[in-house]
């Protein structure tokens, strides 16, 4: 199966929104990069207030965002690929 054609015609997909977790208003962002040579995902959960912490501080797995939001991102991917990409993140591949 050609993943690019099954996901989208662009090389990056992003989803974002707000969730209420135990009275805390949080923002999330999920990014799926299908640019060669590697497919990769990264996600963030950030409290909706000002802060000066580096963005790396807020990195989580897509699975973690799914757990707190109740959403299922990238459900159209074959499960073997979805599960592998959503359960881990390689921060060094996103931040130099």
Foldseek 3Di string as FASTA:
>chain_A
DDVCVQPDVDFKDKDKDWDQDPNFIKIKMKMWGNDPPDTAIWMFIGGPDDDDDDRVVGIDFQVVVCVRHVDDPPPSDDPVVSVVRRHDHDVVVVPD
